Amino acid sequence: MYRPVVVGVDGSPASLVAAEEAARAAARRQLPLHLVHGYLHPLGYGAPLNPYDLGVPAPTEAAQQMLEQTAAELAGDQPGLHVEVRQVAGGPGAALVEESHRAELVVVGSRGLGGFTGLLLGSVGAQVVAHAHCPVLVVRPADGPVPVLGPVLVGVDGSGSASLAVRYGADEAVRRDAQLVLVHVTGGDHADAAQAQAPRAGTATPPEDEPLLATAVAAARVEHPDLTVTGRPVRAASAEQALIEASRDAALVVVGTRGRGGFTGMLLGSVSQALVQHAHCPVLVAHPYDRAG
């Protein structure tokens, strides 16, 4: 059974850019693409409380036309791509989370329809990133061209979540015919001393910090012997800022849902949250597949 790549489309510029990236992702995977538009009652959240006054939420002709036009354009850009469109009752975030049970990948834009410039990740995107049951691709930046050249970058810290991110990142690098760069950021209690010696992120870490990175590099090479894999140790005060800065030269950043020492109740770790908000390229959040729903 071929699980589709699913993207939420609401007609906003950010969602249309996300749809283009979703089409490329589906073509790389040789999977169908599903364009999904979630709809609520026409009165939205201000609907009257009396259920007899609510009526039944219904798809709209305008949304259907928008979906069909987008599908036709994407199919024209990606010959052989099978595209389906669907309007789904319910809020767009909840609809995409539900779709993620049956998807190979869910793609969201950085901002939705009517999103404010200062809102770094729209409420729909944030909901999907936190609760999805499959990997989520957040298409960044919201304004300007989406980078297509450069390596696939993965932050590693020895956690199980990061190991999954390395696996997904290696798969993506193979699909894109790109290099895989694994970044291990250290600093912590010694950050001030390190910054005094090396004020810019990117300076090599001491040899004793490298076995973790070497293990991750070796694991990626075992799965993909022909893939070019590079380990990049970085000494910096903030893993978030170091990875955001490194994303300037990347085509994709892959992050786990929680880092080392992350609490089970946390839906997304601080590094992952920072990257989906501030990275200079698309971010793949490496949710494990959960087919229970």
C-alpha atoms as a PDB file:
ATOM      1  CA  MET A   1       0.000   0.000   0.000  1.00  0.00           C
ATOM      2  CA  TYR A   2       1.376   3.377  -1.045  1.00  0.00           C
ATOM      3  CA  ARG A   3       0.933   5.955   1.684  1.00  0.00           C
ATOM      4  CA  PRO A   4       0.642   9.465   0.251  1.00  0.00           C
ATOM      5  CA  VAL A   5       2.462  12.670   0.899  1.00  0.00           C
ATOM      6  CA  VAL A   6      -0.160  14.997   2.416  1.00  0.00           C
ATOM      7  CA  VAL A   7      -0.083  18.787   2.362  1.00  0.00           C
ATOM      8  CA  GLY A   8      -2.500  21.285   3.825  1.00  0.00           C
ATOM      9  CA  VAL A   9      -3.600  23.925   1.329  1.00  0.00           C
ATOM     10  CA  ASP A  10      -5.684  26.996   2.174  1.00  0.00           C
ATOM     11  CA  GLY A  11      -4.840  29.243  -0.773  1.00  0.00           C
ATOM     12  CA  SER A  12      -2.280  31.319   1.136  1.00  0.00           C
ATOM     13  CA  PRO A  13       1.117  31.949  -0.500  1.00  0.00           C
ATOM     14  CA  ALA A  14       2.880  29.951   2.226  1.00  0.00           C
ATOM     15  CA  SER A  15       0.598  26.939   1.721  1.00  0.00           C
ATOM     16  CA  LEU A  16       1.068  27.045  -2.066  1.00  0.00           C
ATOM     17  CA  VAL A  17       4.846  27.049  -1.632  1.00  0.00           C
ATOM     18  CA  ALA A  18       4.397  24.118   0.761  1.00  0.00           C
ATOM     19  CA  ALA A  19       2.341  22.336  -1.895  1.00  0.00           C
ATOM     20  CA  GLU A  20       5.176  22.760  -4.399  1.00  0.00           C
ATOM     21  CA  GLU A  21       7.650  21.268  -1.927  1.00  0.00           C
ATOM     22  CA  ALA A  22       5.209  18.451  -1.159  1.00  0.00           C
ATOM     23  CA  ALA A  23       4.970  17.679  -4.878  1.00  0.00           C
ATOM     24  CA  ARG A  24       8.762  17.417  -5.100  1.00  0.00           C
ATOM     25  CA  ALA A  25       8.821  15.177  -2.021  1.00  0.00           C
ATOM     26  CA  ALA A  26       6.122  12.919  -3.484  1.00  0.00           C
ATOM     27  CA  ALA A  27       7.936  12.721  -6.823  1.00  0.00           C
ATOM     28  CA  ARG A  28      11.206  11.755  -5.086  1.00  0.00           C
ATOM     29  CA  ARG A  29       9.395   9.007  -3.217  1.00  0.00           C
ATOM     30  CA  GLN A  30       7.264   7.968  -6.210  1.00  0.00           C
ATOM     31  CA  LEU A  31       4.160   8.365  -4.064  1.00  0.00           C
ATOM     32  CA  PRO A  32       0.792  10.051  -4.673  1.00  0.00           C
ATOM     33  CA  LEU A  33       0.200  13.562  -3.390  1.00  0.00           C
ATOM     34  CA  HIS A  34      -2.954  14.496  -1.478  1.00  0.00           C
ATOM     35  CA  LEU A  35      -3.999  18.141  -1.157  1.00  0.00           C
ATOM     36  CA  VAL A  36      -6.175  18.569   1.935  1.00  0.00           C
ATOM     37  CA  HIS A  37      -8.292  21.562   2.899  1.00  0.00           C
ATOM     38  CA  GLY A  38      -9.939  21.494   6.339  1.00  0.00           C
ATOM     39  CA  TYR A  39     -13.193  23.411   6.710  1.00  0.00           C
ATOM     40  CA  LEU A  40     -15.278  24.503   9.682  1.00  0.00           C
ATOM     41  CA  HIS A  41     -18.805  25.858  10.038  1.00  0.00           C
ATOM     42  CA  PRO A  42     -19.129  29.076   7.975  1.00  0.00           C
ATOM     43  CA  LEU A  43     -19.514  31.062  11.200  1.00  0.00           C
ATOM     44  CA  GLY A  44     -16.283  29.605  12.543  1.00  0.00           C
ATOM     45  CA  TYR A  45     -15.587  29.714  16.252  1.00  0.00           C
ATOM     46  CA  GLY A  46     -18.173  32.460  16.734  1.00  0.00           C
ATOM     47  CA  ALA A  47     -21.042  30.117  15.846  1.00  0.00           C
ATOM     48  CA  PRO A  48     -24.061  30.182  18.177  1.00  0.00           C
ATOM     49  CA  LEU A  49     -24.150  27.634  20.971  1.00  0.00           C
ATOM     50  CA  ASN A  50     -27.598  26.323  20.045  1.00  0.00           C
ATOM     51  CA  PRO A  51     -26.839  23.223  17.922  1.00  0.00           C
ATOM     52  CA  TYR A  52     -30.051  23.731  15.918  1.00  0.00           C
ATOM     53  CA  ASP A  53     -28.669  27.046  14.689  1.00  0.00           C
ATOM     54  CA  LEU A  54     -25.352  25.613  13.617  1.00  0.00           C
ATOM     55  CA  GLY A  55     -26.299  23.721  10.518  1.00  0.00           C
ATOM     56  CA  VAL A  56     -23.797  21.305   9.021  1.00  0.00           C
ATOM     57  CA  PRO A  57     -20.281  22.331   7.991  1.00  0.00           C
ATOM     58  CA  ALA A  58     -19.957  21.969   4.249  1.00  0.00           C
ATOM     59  CA  PRO A  59     -17.190  22.131   1.655  1.00  0.00           C
ATOM     60  CA  THR A  60     -17.240  25.186  -0.575  1.00  0.00           C
ATOM     61  CA  GLU A  61     -17.056  25.495  -4.340  1.00  0.00           C
ATOM     62  CA  ALA A  62     -14.366  28.164  -4.064  1.00  0.00           C
ATOM     63  CA  ALA A  63     -12.113  25.886  -2.000  1.00  0.00           C
ATOM     64  CA  GLN A  64     -12.680  23.010  -4.427  1.00  0.00           C
ATOM     65  CA  GLN A  65     -11.705  25.195  -7.372  1.00  0.00           C
ATOM     66  CA  MET A  66      -8.586  26.356  -5.533  1.00  0.00           C
ATOM     67  CA  LEU A  67      -7.594  22.757  -4.795  1.00  0.00           C
ATOM     68  CA  GLU A  68      -8.217  21.571  -8.351  1.00  0.00           C
ATOM     69  CA  GLN A  69      -6.291  24.460  -9.878  1.00  0.00           C
ATOM     70  CA  THR A  70      -3.361  23.836  -7.528  1.00  0.00           C
ATOM     71  CA  ALA A  71      -3.440  20.113  -8.339  1.00  0.00           C
ATOM     72  CA  ALA A  72      -3.388  20.794 -12.088  1.00  0.00           C
ATOM     73  CA  GLU A  73      -0.411  23.132 -11.760  1.00  0.00           C
ATOM     74  CA  LEU A  74       1.547  20.697  -9.610  1.00  0.00           C
ATOM     75  CA  ALA A  75       0.840  17.771 -11.941  1.00  0.00           C
ATOM     76  CA  GLY A  76       2.055  19.909 -14.835  1.00  0.00           C
ATOM     77  CA  ASP A  77       5.307  20.683 -13.008  1.00  0.00           C
ATOM     78  CA  GLN A  78       5.879  17.053 -11.971  1.00  0.00           C
ATOM     79  CA  PRO A  79       4.991  14.744 -14.901  1.00  0.00           C
ATOM     80  CA  GLY A  80       3.692  11.388 -13.722  1.00  0.00           C
ATOM     81  CA  LEU A  81       2.711  12.676 -10.289  1.00  0.00           C
ATOM     82  CA  HIS A  82      -0.717  11.467  -9.151  1.00  0.00           C
ATOM     83  CA  VAL A  83      -2.534  14.227  -7.254  1.00  0.00           C
ATOM     84  CA  GLU A  84      -5.797  13.942  -5.334  1.00  0.00           C
ATOM     85  CA  VAL A  85      -7.740  16.741  -3.640  1.00  0.00           C
ATOM     86  CA  ARG A  86     -10.056  16.539  -0.687  1.00  0.00           C
ATOM     87  CA  GLN A  87     -11.980  18.845   1.620  1.00  0.00           C
ATOM     88  CA  VAL A  88     -12.210  17.488   5.153  1.00  0.00           C
ATOM     89  CA  ALA A  89     -14.622  18.587   7.870  1.00  0.00           C
ATOM     90  CA  GLY A  90     -12.902  20.016  10.906  1.00  0.00           C
ATOM     91  CA  GLY A  91     -10.145  22.448  11.725  1.00  0.00           C
ATOM     92  CA  PRO A  92      -7.169  22.284   9.354  1.00  0.00           C
ATOM     93  CA  GLY A  93      -4.704  21.345  12.089  1.00  0.00           C
ATOM     94  CA  ALA A  94      -6.850  18.514  13.425  1.00  0.00           C
ATOM     95  CA  ALA A  95      -7.551  17.333   9.873  1.00  0.00           C
ATOM     96  CA  LEU A  96      -3.845  17.072   9.044  1.00  0.00           C
ATOM     97  CA  VAL A  97      -3.034  15.310  12.322  1.00  0.00           C
ATOM     98  CA  GLU A  98      -5.742  12.763  11.498  1.00  0.00           C
ATOM     99  CA  GLU A  99      -4.397  12.377   7.949  1.00  0.00           C
ATOM    100  CA  SER A 100      -0.916  11.739   9.377  1.00  0.00           C
ATOM    101  CA  HIS A 101      -2.045   8.306  10.610  1.00  0.00           C
ATOM    102  CA  ARG A 102      -2.208   7.199   6.981  1.00  0.00           C
ATOM    103  CA  ALA A 103       0.505   9.383   5.434  1.00  0.00           C
ATOM    104  CA  GLU A 104       4.149   8.846   4.598  1.00  0.00           C
ATOM    105  CA  LEU A 105       4.864  12.551   5.127  1.00  0.00           C
ATOM    106  CA  VAL A 106       2.821  15.636   6.054  1.00  0.00           C
ATOM    107  CA  VAL A 107       3.928  19.012   4.702  1.00  0.00           C
ATOM    108  CA  VAL A 108       2.946  22.378   6.161  1.00  0.00           C
ATOM    109  CA  GLY A 109       3.813  25.980   5.348  1.00  0.00           C
ATOM    110  CA  SER A 110       5.380  28.397   7.784  1.00  0.00           C
ATOM    111  CA  ARG A 111       2.249  30.565   7.912  1.00  0.00           C
ATOM    112  CA  GLY A 112      -1.363  30.034   6.962  1.00  0.00           C
ATOM    113  CA  LEU A 113      -4.063  32.168   5.423  1.00  0.00           C
ATOM    114  CA  GLY A 114      -4.119  35.570   7.084  1.00  0.00           C
ATOM    115  CA  GLY A 115      -0.935  34.803   9.018  1.00  0.00           C
ATOM    116  CA  PHE A 116       0.821  37.797  10.514  1.00  0.00           C
ATOM    117  CA  THR A 117       4.401  38.519   9.471  1.00  0.00           C
ATOM    118  CA  GLY A 118       5.520  38.334  13.092  1.00  0.00           C
ATOM    119  CA  LEU A 119       3.954  34.911  13.569  1.00  0.00           C
ATOM    120  CA  LEU A 120       6.896  32.605  12.852  1.00  0.00           C
ATOM    121  CA  LEU A 121       4.903  29.388  12.655  1.00  0.00           C
ATOM    122  CA  GLY A 122       1.155  29.422  12.202  1.00  0.00           C
ATOM    123  CA  SER A 123      -1.146  27.713  14.674  1.00  0.00           C
ATOM    124  CA  VAL A 124      -1.965  24.958  12.177  1.00  0.00           C
ATOM    125  CA  GLY A 125       1.695  24.205  11.517  1.00  0.00           C
ATOM    126  CA  ALA A 126       2.497  24.206  15.229  1.00  0.00           C
ATOM    127  CA  GLN A 127      -0.357  21.782  15.938  1.00  0.00           C
ATOM    128  CA  VAL A 128       0.734  19.373  13.222  1.00  0.00           C
ATOM    129  CA  VAL A 129       4.426  19.536  14.153  1.00  0.00           C
ATOM    130  CA  ALA A 130       3.587  18.723  17.785  1.00  0.00           C
ATOM    131  CA  HIS A 131       1.019  15.966  17.290  1.00  0.00           C
ATOM    132  CA  ALA A 132       1.611  14.241  13.926  1.00  0.00           C
ATOM    133  CA  HIS A 133       1.939  10.466  13.647  1.00  0.00           C
ATOM    134  CA  CYS A 134       4.497  10.566  10.820  1.00  0.00           C
ATOM    135  CA  PRO A 135       7.370  12.854   9.781  1.00  0.00           C
ATOM    136  CA  VAL A 136       6.447  16.500   9.169  1.00  0.00           C
ATOM    137  CA  LEU A 137       8.150  18.819   6.699  1.00  0.00           C
ATOM    138  CA  VAL A 138       7.916  22.503   7.635  1.00  0.00           C
ATOM    139  CA  VAL A 139       8.640  24.572   4.533  1.00  0.00           C
ATOM    140  CA  ARG A 140      10.849  27.541   5.358  1.00  0.00           C
ATOM    141  CA  PRO A 141      11.471  30.365   4.867  1.00  0.00           C
ATOM    142  CA  ALA A 142       7.976  31.798   4.608  1.00  0.00           C
ATOM    143  CA  ASP A 143       9.216  34.650   2.414  1.00  0.00           C
ATOM    144  CA  GLY A 144      11.758  34.250  -0.354  1.00  0.00           C
ATOM    145  CA  PRO A 145      12.912  31.214  -2.332  1.00  0.00           C
ATOM    146  CA  VAL A 146      13.123  27.817  -0.667  1.00  0.00           C
ATOM    147  CA  PRO A 147      16.715  26.532  -0.966  1.00  0.00           C
ATOM    148  CA  VAL A 148      17.203  23.427  -3.090  1.00  0.00           C
ATOM    149  CA  LEU A 149      21.004  23.173  -3.109  1.00  0.00           C
ATOM    150  CA  GLY A 150      23.195  22.194  -0.211  1.00  0.00           C
ATOM    151  CA  PRO A 151      23.585  19.270   2.174  1.00  0.00           C
ATOM    152  CA  VAL A 152      21.047  17.608   4.426  1.00  0.00           C
ATOM    153  CA  LEU A 153      21.921  18.647   7.968  1.00  0.00           C
ATOM    154  CA  VAL A 154      21.111  16.609  11.088  1.00  0.00           C
ATOM    155  CA  GLY A 155      21.751  17.542  14.694  1.00  0.00           C
ATOM    156  CA  VAL A 156      22.922  14.583  16.789  1.00  0.00           C
ATOM    157  CA  ASP A 157      23.162  14.274  20.571  1.00  0.00           C
ATOM    158  CA  GLY A 158      23.126  10.540  21.263  1.00  0.00           C
ATOM    159  CA  SER A 159      19.388  10.375  21.949  1.00  0.00           C
ATOM    160  CA  GLY A 160      17.044   7.860  20.331  1.00  0.00           C
ATOM    161  CA  SER A 161      15.155  10.725  18.733  1.00  0.00           C
ATOM    162  CA  ALA A 162      18.347  12.005  17.106  1.00  0.00           C
ATOM    163  CA  SER A 163      19.199   8.505  15.862  1.00  0.00           C
ATOM    164  CA  LEU A 164      15.862   8.399  14.074  1.00  0.00           C
ATOM    165  CA  ALA A 165      16.608  11.840  12.625  1.00  0.00           C
ATOM    166  CA  VAL A 166      19.924  10.530  11.274  1.00  0.00           C
ATOM    167  CA  ARG A 167      18.098   7.667   9.585  1.00  0.00           C
ATOM    168  CA  TYR A 168      15.531   9.963   7.995  1.00  0.00           C
ATOM    169  CA  GLY A 169      18.241  12.451   7.056  1.00  0.00           C
ATOM    170  CA  ALA A 170      20.300   9.786   5.296  1.00  0.00           C
ATOM    171  CA  ASP A 171      17.253   8.652   3.340  1.00  0.00           C
ATOM    172  CA  GLU A 172      16.555  12.257   2.315  1.00  0.00           C
ATOM    173  CA  ALA A 173      20.170  12.846   1.265  1.00  0.00           C
ATOM    174  CA  VAL A 174      20.032   9.776  -0.983  1.00  0.00           C
ATOM    175  CA  ARG A 175      16.764  10.945  -2.565  1.00  0.00           C
ATOM    176  CA  ARG A 176      18.221  14.397  -3.204  1.00  0.00           C
ATOM    177  CA  ASP A 177      21.657  13.165  -4.304  1.00  0.00           C
ATOM    178  CA  ALA A 178      23.089  15.410  -1.599  1.00  0.00           C
ATOM    179  CA  GLN A 179      25.676  15.095   1.130  1.00  0.00           C
ATOM    180  CA  LEU A 180      24.694  14.292   4.711  1.00  0.00           C
ATOM    181  CA  VAL A 181      26.255  16.461   7.407  1.00  0.00           C
ATOM    182  CA  LEU A 182      25.874  15.392  11.036  1.00  0.00           C
ATOM    183  CA  VAL A 183      26.396  18.169  13.561  1.00  0.00           C
ATOM    184  CA  HIS A 184      27.162  17.588  17.237  1.00  0.00           C
ATOM    185  CA  VAL A 185      27.073  20.765  19.322  1.00  0.00           C
ATOM    186  CA  THR A 186      28.753  20.881  22.715  1.00  0.00           C
ATOM    187  CA  GLY A 187      29.117  23.719  25.180  1.00  0.00           C
ATOM    188  CA  GLY A 188      27.066  23.489  28.347  1.00  0.00           C
ATOM    189  CA  ASP A 189      28.927  24.401  31.523  1.00  0.00           C
ATOM    190  CA  HIS A 190      32.105  25.152  29.609  1.00  0.00           C
ATOM    191  CA  ALA A 191      30.456  27.387  27.037  1.00  0.00           C
ATOM    192  CA  ASP A 192      31.951  30.642  28.361  1.00  0.00           C
ATOM    193  CA  ALA A 193      35.492  29.318  28.293  1.00  0.00           C
ATOM    194  CA  ALA A 194      34.938  27.805  24.894  1.00  0.00           C
ATOM    195  CA  GLN A 195      33.528  31.047  23.525  1.00  0.00           C
ATOM    196  CA  ALA A 196      36.573  32.924  24.802  1.00  0.00           C
ATOM    197  CA  GLN A 197      38.776  30.603  22.762  1.00  0.00           C
ATOM    198  CA  ALA A 198      36.388  30.173  19.837  1.00  0.00           C
ATOM    199  CA  PRO A 199      33.872  32.979  19.516  1.00  0.00           C
ATOM    200  CA  ARG A 200      32.255  31.578  16.375  1.00  0.00           C
ATOM    201  CA  ALA A 201      30.307  28.335  16.130  1.00  0.00           C
ATOM    202  CA  GLY A 202      32.065  25.878  13.887  1.00  0.00           C
ATOM    203  CA  THR A 203      35.302  25.482  15.815  1.00  0.00           C
ATOM    204  CA  ALA A 204      36.299  21.853  16.272  1.00  0.00           C
ATOM    205  CA  THR A 205      35.538  20.205  19.579  1.00  0.00           C
ATOM    206  CA  PRO A 206      38.165  18.362  21.639  1.00  0.00           C
ATOM    207  CA  PRO A 207      38.828  14.729  20.627  1.00  0.00           C
ATOM    208  CA  GLU A 208      37.034  13.330  23.682  1.00  0.00           C
ATOM    209  CA  ASP A 209      33.730  14.728  22.362  1.00  0.00           C
ATOM    210  CA  GLU A 210      33.968  12.986  18.985  1.00  0.00           C
ATOM    211  CA  PRO A 211      33.058   9.287  19.630  1.00  0.00           C
ATOM    212  CA  LEU A 212      29.333  10.089  19.723  1.00  0.00           C
ATOM    213  CA  LEU A 213      29.603  11.813  16.350  1.00  0.00           C
ATOM    214  CA  ALA A 214      31.738   9.024  14.894  1.00  0.00           C
ATOM    215  CA  THR A 215      29.109   6.465  15.930  1.00  0.00           C
ATOM    216  CA  ALA A 216      26.364   8.417  14.175  1.00  0.00           C
ATOM    217  CA  VAL A 217      28.462   8.802  11.019  1.00  0.00           C
ATOM    218  CA  ALA A 218      29.232   5.070  10.983  1.00  0.00           C
ATOM    219  CA  ALA A 219      25.548   4.173  11.417  1.00  0.00           C
ATOM    220  CA  ALA A 220      24.567   6.334   8.436  1.00  0.00           C
ATOM    221  CA  ARG A 221      27.294   4.793   6.260  1.00  0.00           C
ATOM    222  CA  VAL A 222      26.223   1.253   7.120  1.00  0.00           C
ATOM    223  CA  GLU A 223      22.721   1.956   5.785  1.00  0.00           C
ATOM    224  CA  HIS A 224      23.966   3.892   2.729  1.00  0.00           C
ATOM    225  CA  PRO A 225      27.546   2.895   1.805  1.00  0.00           C
ATOM    226  CA  ASP A 226      27.662   5.214  -1.223  1.00  0.00           C
ATOM    227  CA  LEU A 227      26.415   8.274   0.644  1.00  0.00           C
ATOM    228  CA  THR A 228      28.910  11.020   1.478  1.00  0.00           C
ATOM    229  CA  VAL A 229      28.592  11.521   5.245  1.00  0.00           C
ATOM    230  CA  THR A 230      30.507  14.174   7.166  1.00  0.00           C
ATOM    231  CA  GLY A 231      30.659  14.669  10.918  1.00  0.00           C
ATOM    232  CA  ARG A 232      30.936  18.286  12.056  1.00  0.00           C
ATOM    233  CA  PRO A 233      31.748  18.869  15.740  1.00  0.00           C
ATOM    234  CA  VAL A 234      30.819  22.369  16.897  1.00  0.00           C
ATOM    235  CA  ARG A 235      31.593  24.132  20.159  1.00  0.00           C
ATOM    236  CA  ALA A 236      28.951  26.760  20.927  1.00  0.00           C
ATOM    237  CA  ALA A 237      26.981  28.147  23.842  1.00  0.00           C
ATOM    238  CA  SER A 238      23.650  27.277  22.226  1.00  0.00           C
ATOM    239  CA  ALA A 239      22.809  24.233  20.144  1.00  0.00           C
ATOM    240  CA  GLU A 240      19.786  26.082  18.813  1.00  0.00           C
ATOM    241  CA  GLN A 241      21.776  29.038  17.497  1.00  0.00           C
ATOM    242  CA  ALA A 242      24.572  26.845  16.127  1.00  0.00           C
ATOM    243  CA  LEU A 243      22.139  24.735  14.093  1.00  0.00           C
ATOM    244  CA  ILE A 244      20.137  27.755  12.926  1.00  0.00           C
ATOM    245  CA  GLU A 245      23.362  29.344  11.683  1.00  0.00           C
ATOM    246  CA  ALA A 246      24.434  26.089   9.988  1.00  0.00           C
ATOM    247  CA  SER A 247      21.061  25.908   8.223  1.00  0.00           C
ATOM    248  CA  ARG A 248      22.031  28.921   6.089  1.00  0.00           C
ATOM    249  CA  ASP A 249      24.048  26.613   3.821  1.00  0.00           C
ATOM    250  CA  ALA A 250      21.706  23.592   3.916  1.00  0.00           C
ATOM    251  CA  ALA A 251      18.841  22.438   1.722  1.00  0.00           C
ATOM    252  CA  LEU A 252      17.166  20.641   4.630  1.00  0.00           C
ATOM    253  CA  VAL A 253      17.571  20.281   8.395  1.00  0.00           C
ATOM    254  CA  VAL A 254      16.329  17.123  10.106  1.00  0.00           C
ATOM    255  CA  VAL A 255      15.614  17.170  13.832  1.00  0.00           C
ATOM    256  CA  GLY A 256      14.256  14.710  16.364  1.00  0.00           C
ATOM    257  CA  THR A 257      11.167  15.426  18.398  1.00  0.00           C
ATOM    258  CA  ARG A 258      13.044  15.438  21.705  1.00  0.00           C
ATOM    259  CA  GLY A 259      16.693  15.734  22.575  1.00  0.00           C
ATOM    260  CA  ARG A 260      18.832  14.064  25.149  1.00  0.00           C
ATOM    261  CA  GLY A 261      17.315  14.471  28.582  1.00  0.00           C
ATOM    262  CA  GLY A 262      14.005  15.625  27.122  1.00  0.00           C
ATOM    263  CA  PHE A 263      10.935  14.996  29.230  1.00  0.00           C
ATOM    264  CA  THR A 264       8.453  12.413  27.964  1.00  0.00           C
ATOM    265  CA  GLY A 265       5.592  14.892  28.294  1.00  0.00           C
ATOM    266  CA  MET A 266       7.291  17.435  26.048  1.00  0.00           C
ATOM    267  CA  LEU A 267       5.865  17.212  22.556  1.00  0.00           C
ATOM    268  CA  LEU A 268       8.828  18.936  20.941  1.00  0.00           C
ATOM    269  CA  GLY A 269      12.250  19.716  22.333  1.00  0.00           C
ATOM    270  CA  SER A 270      13.683  23.230  22.535  1.00  0.00           C
ATOM    271  CA  VAL A 271      16.157  22.721  19.686  1.00  0.00           C
ATOM    272  CA  SER A 272      13.445  21.370  17.391  1.00  0.00           C
ATOM    273  CA  GLN A 273      11.117  24.233  18.296  1.00  0.00           C
ATOM    274  CA  ALA A 274      13.814  26.802  17.585  1.00  0.00           C
ATOM    275  CA  LEU A 275      14.588  25.321  14.174  1.00  0.00           C
ATOM    276  CA  VAL A 276      10.995  25.089  12.955  1.00  0.00           C
ATOM    277  CA  GLN A 277      10.645  28.753  13.943  1.00  0.00           C
ATOM    278  CA  HIS A 278      13.949  30.195  12.742  1.00  0.00           C
ATOM    279  CA  ALA A 279      15.814  27.880  10.325  1.00  0.00           C
ATOM    280  CA  HIS A 280      16.877  29.280   6.961  1.00  0.00           C
ATOM    281  CA  CYS A 281      15.752  26.166   5.068  1.00  0.00           C
ATOM    282  CA  PRO A 282      12.972  23.558   5.331  1.00  0.00           C
ATOM    283  CA  VAL A 283      12.915  21.469   8.502  1.00  0.00           C
ATOM    284  CA  LEU A 284      11.956  17.797   8.685  1.00  0.00           C
ATOM    285  CA  VAL A 285      10.701  16.826  12.152  1.00  0.00           C
ATOM    286  CA  ALA A 286      11.441  13.132  12.557  1.00  0.00           C
ATOM    287  CA  HIS A 287       8.289  11.810  14.175  1.00  0.00           C
ATOM    288  CA  PRO A 288       8.212   8.007  14.287  1.00  0.00           C
ATOM    289  CA  TYR A 289       5.410   6.349  12.354  1.00  0.00           C
ATOM    290  CA  ASP A 290       2.395   5.528  14.498  1.00  0.00           C
ATOM    291  CA  ARG A 291      -0.256   3.538  12.667  1.00  0.00           C
ATOM    292  CA  ALA A 292      -2.473   2.926  15.681  1.00  0.00           C
ATOM    293  CA  GLY A 293      -4.924   5.700  14.808  1.00  0.00           C
END
